[in-house]
């Protein structure tokens, strides 16, 4: 089943939310989630993956509701003579950690390699030989006192 939310999924957290606004926010959030993790739009998403994605999307929508139309939230705490003020603004639908979680639900984030070196077709230049001619010998590099060696 594809990841989908309804206004009823938000009602326990936002009982005064009208259905039209909830539908619009859900459409925006799920569209963004589908762009980040395209597998969530498929009908064969396992139930546990769909539930995890719904939780992430619901959290983002509720944060959006809490921040208001301007997307700016200020939290102030006072303890004795000390005051701490934290201001957060909504710059995207999901936090980076949520984006990573959504991608990981689709199996993203795995290491891969991409060979950018062209194949030698016989007539073309030998790219490996050319790169060897343009490298510095190690003895020259070691003579540079300003270089940091790791």
Protein backbone atom coordinates (compact mmCIF):
# COMPACT_ATOMS: atom_id res chain seq x y z
CA UNK A 1 0.00 0.00 0.00
CA UNK A 2 1.28 3.46 -0.88
CA UNK A 3 1.97 5.85 1.95
CA UNK A 4 -1.12 7.98 2.46
CA UNK A 5 -2.54 10.04 5.29
CA UNK A 6 -6.02 11.33 5.96
CA UNK A 7 -7.21 14.28 8.06
CA UNK A 8 -8.27 11.72 10.68
CA UNK A 9 -4.58 10.82 11.16
CA UNK A 10 -3.96 14.41 12.29
CA UNK A 11 -7.08 14.94 14.42
CA UNK A 12 -5.72 13.42 17.68
CA UNK A 13 -2.95 16.05 17.60
CA UNK A 14 -4.88 18.94 16.02
CA UNK A 15 -8.61 18.53 16.77
CA UNK A 16 -9.55 21.97 15.38
CA UNK A 17 -7.93 21.38 11.98
CA UNK A 18 -10.44 21.68 9.15
CA UNK A 19 -10.48 18.98 6.48
CA UNK A 20 -9.70 21.25 3.50
CA UNK A 21 -6.54 22.61 5.13
CA UNK A 22 -5.52 19.13 6.29
CA UNK A 23 -5.99 17.71 2.78
CA UNK A 24 -3.83 20.46 1.27
CA UNK A 25 -1.06 20.00 3.84
CA UNK A 26 -1.16 16.21 3.43
CA UNK A 27 -0.94 16.57 -0.36
CA UNK A 28 2.11 18.86 -0.08
CA UNK A 29 3.88 16.67 2.46
CA UNK A 30 3.27 13.37 0.68
CA UNK A 31 4.31 14.83 -2.68
CA UNK A 32 7.57 15.99 -1.13
CA UNK A 33 8.06 12.59 0.51
CA UNK A 34 7.48 10.85 -2.84
CA UNK A 35 10.16 13.02 -4.44
CA UNK A 36 12.64 12.15 -1.69
CA UNK A 37 11.75 8.45 -1.59
CA UNK A 38 9.94 7.37 -4.77
CA UNK A 39 9.34 3.83 -3.48
CA UNK A 40 6.76 5.24 -1.03
CA UNK A 41 4.38 5.96 -3.93
CA UNK A 42 4.24 2.30 -5.00
CA UNK A 43 1.39 0.04 -3.99
CA UNK A 44 3.69 -2.78 -2.82
CA UNK A 45 5.26 -0.87 0.10
CA UNK A 46 5.45 -3.16 3.16
CA UNK A 47 3.10 -2.16 5.98
CA UNK A 48 5.90 -1.48 8.46
CA UNK A 49 7.69 0.83 5.97
CA UNK A 50 4.43 2.64 5.20
CA UNK A 51 3.75 3.11 8.93
CA UNK A 52 7.23 4.54 9.52
CA UNK A 53 6.88 6.91 6.57
CA UNK A 54 3.44 8.03 7.77
CA UNK A 55 4.92 8.83 11.18
CA UNK A 56 7.67 10.97 9.62
CA UNK A 57 5.26 12.79 7.31
CA UNK A 58 2.73 13.31 10.13
CA UNK A 59 5.47 14.78 12.34
CA UNK A 60 6.46 17.24 9.62
CA UNK A 61 2.84 18.30 9.07
CA UNK A 62 2.27 18.80 12.80
CA UNK A 63 5.46 20.86 13.05
CA UNK A 64 4.19 22.94 10.12
CA UNK A 65 0.86 23.45 11.90
CA UNK A 66 2.61 24.46 15.11
CA UNK A 67 4.86 27.00 13.40
CA UNK A 68 1.94 28.78 11.72
CA UNK A 69 1.77 30.43 8.33
CA UNK A 70 5.11 32.22 8.65
CA UNK A 71 6.99 29.08 9.54
CA UNK A 72 8.78 30.78 12.44
CA UNK A 73 8.71 29.32 15.94
CA UNK A 74 10.25 30.92 19.00
CA UNK A 75 10.73 29.01 22.23
CA UNK A 76 11.87 30.85 25.35
CA UNK A 77 12.90 29.25 28.64
CA UNK A 78 13.81 31.04 31.84
CA UNK A 79 15.57 29.63 34.90
CA UNK A 80 16.42 32.22 37.53
CA UNK A 81 18.41 35.06 35.97
CA UNK A 82 19.12 33.04 32.80
CA UNK A 83 17.01 33.11 29.66
CA UNK A 84 17.37 30.96 26.58
CA UNK A 85 15.57 31.78 23.34
CA UNK A 86 15.47 29.39 20.41
CA UNK A 87 14.04 30.46 17.07
CA UNK A 88 13.51 27.96 14.29
CA UNK A 89 12.23 28.65 10.82
CA UNK A 90 10.70 26.29 8.31
CA UNK A 91 12.93 26.27 5.24
CA UNK A 92 11.74 22.94 3.86
CA UNK A 93 9.06 20.38 4.58
CA UNK A 94 11.38 17.87 6.24
CA UNK A 95 14.46 18.19 8.39
CA UNK A 96 17.63 16.66 6.97
CA UNK A 97 17.40 13.76 9.41
CA UNK A 98 13.85 13.06 8.27
CA UNK A 99 14.92 13.18 4.63
CA UNK A 100 17.62 10.62 5.38
CA UNK A 101 15.13 8.38 7.18
CA UNK A 102 12.68 8.54 4.28
CA UNK A 103 15.43 7.69 1.80
CA UNK A 104 16.64 4.83 3.97
CA UNK A 105 13.12 3.35 3.98
CA UNK A 106 13.56 2.87 0.23
CA UNK A 107 17.00 1.36 0.70
CA UNK A 108 18.84 4.54 -0.29
CA UNK A 109 22.13 5.74 1.05
CA UNK A 110 24.14 2.71 0.01
CA UNK A 111 27.68 3.11 -1.24
CA UNK A 112 28.31 2.92 -4.97
CA UNK A 113 31.09 3.53 -7.45
CA UNK A 114 30.95 5.37 -10.76
CA UNK A 115 33.70 4.89 -13.30
CA UNK A 116 34.25 8.25 -15.04
CA UNK A 117 37.26 7.17 -17.06
CA UNK A 118 36.46 6.63 -20.76
CA UNK A 119 37.13 3.28 -22.37
CA UNK A 120 40.14 3.17 -24.65
CA UNK A 121 38.91 2.48 -28.18
CA UNK A 122 42.32 1.91 -29.77
CA UNK A 123 42.52 5.18 -31.73
CA UNK A 124 41.92 7.57 -28.86
CA UNK A 125 44.44 8.88 -26.34
CA UNK A 126 45.68 6.69 -23.54
CA UNK A 127 44.14 8.60 -20.61
CA UNK A 128 46.01 6.64 -17.96
CA UNK A 129 49.39 7.34 -19.57
CA UNK A 130 48.53 11.04 -19.87
CA UNK A 131 47.62 11.27 -16.20
CA UNK A 132 50.91 9.62 -15.19
CA UNK A 133 52.88 12.26 -17.09
CA UNK A 134 51.16 15.07 -15.21
CA UNK A 135 51.67 13.84 -11.67
CA UNK A 136 54.47 14.97 -9.38
CA UNK A 137 56.95 12.45 -8.07
CA UNK A 138 56.74 11.85 -4.34
CA UNK A 139 60.28 13.18 -3.84
CA UNK A 140 59.21 16.61 -5.15
CA UNK A 141 56.14 16.65 -2.89
CA UNK A 142 58.19 15.86 0.20
CA UNK A 143 60.42 18.88 -0.42
CA UNK A 144 57.48 21.24 0.11
CA UNK A 145 57.74 22.41 3.76
CA UNK A 146 54.34 24.15 3.74
CA UNK A 147 52.37 20.99 2.97
CA UNK A 148 50.65 19.08 5.72
CA UNK A 149 50.96 15.30 5.56
CA UNK A 150 48.13 13.25 6.96
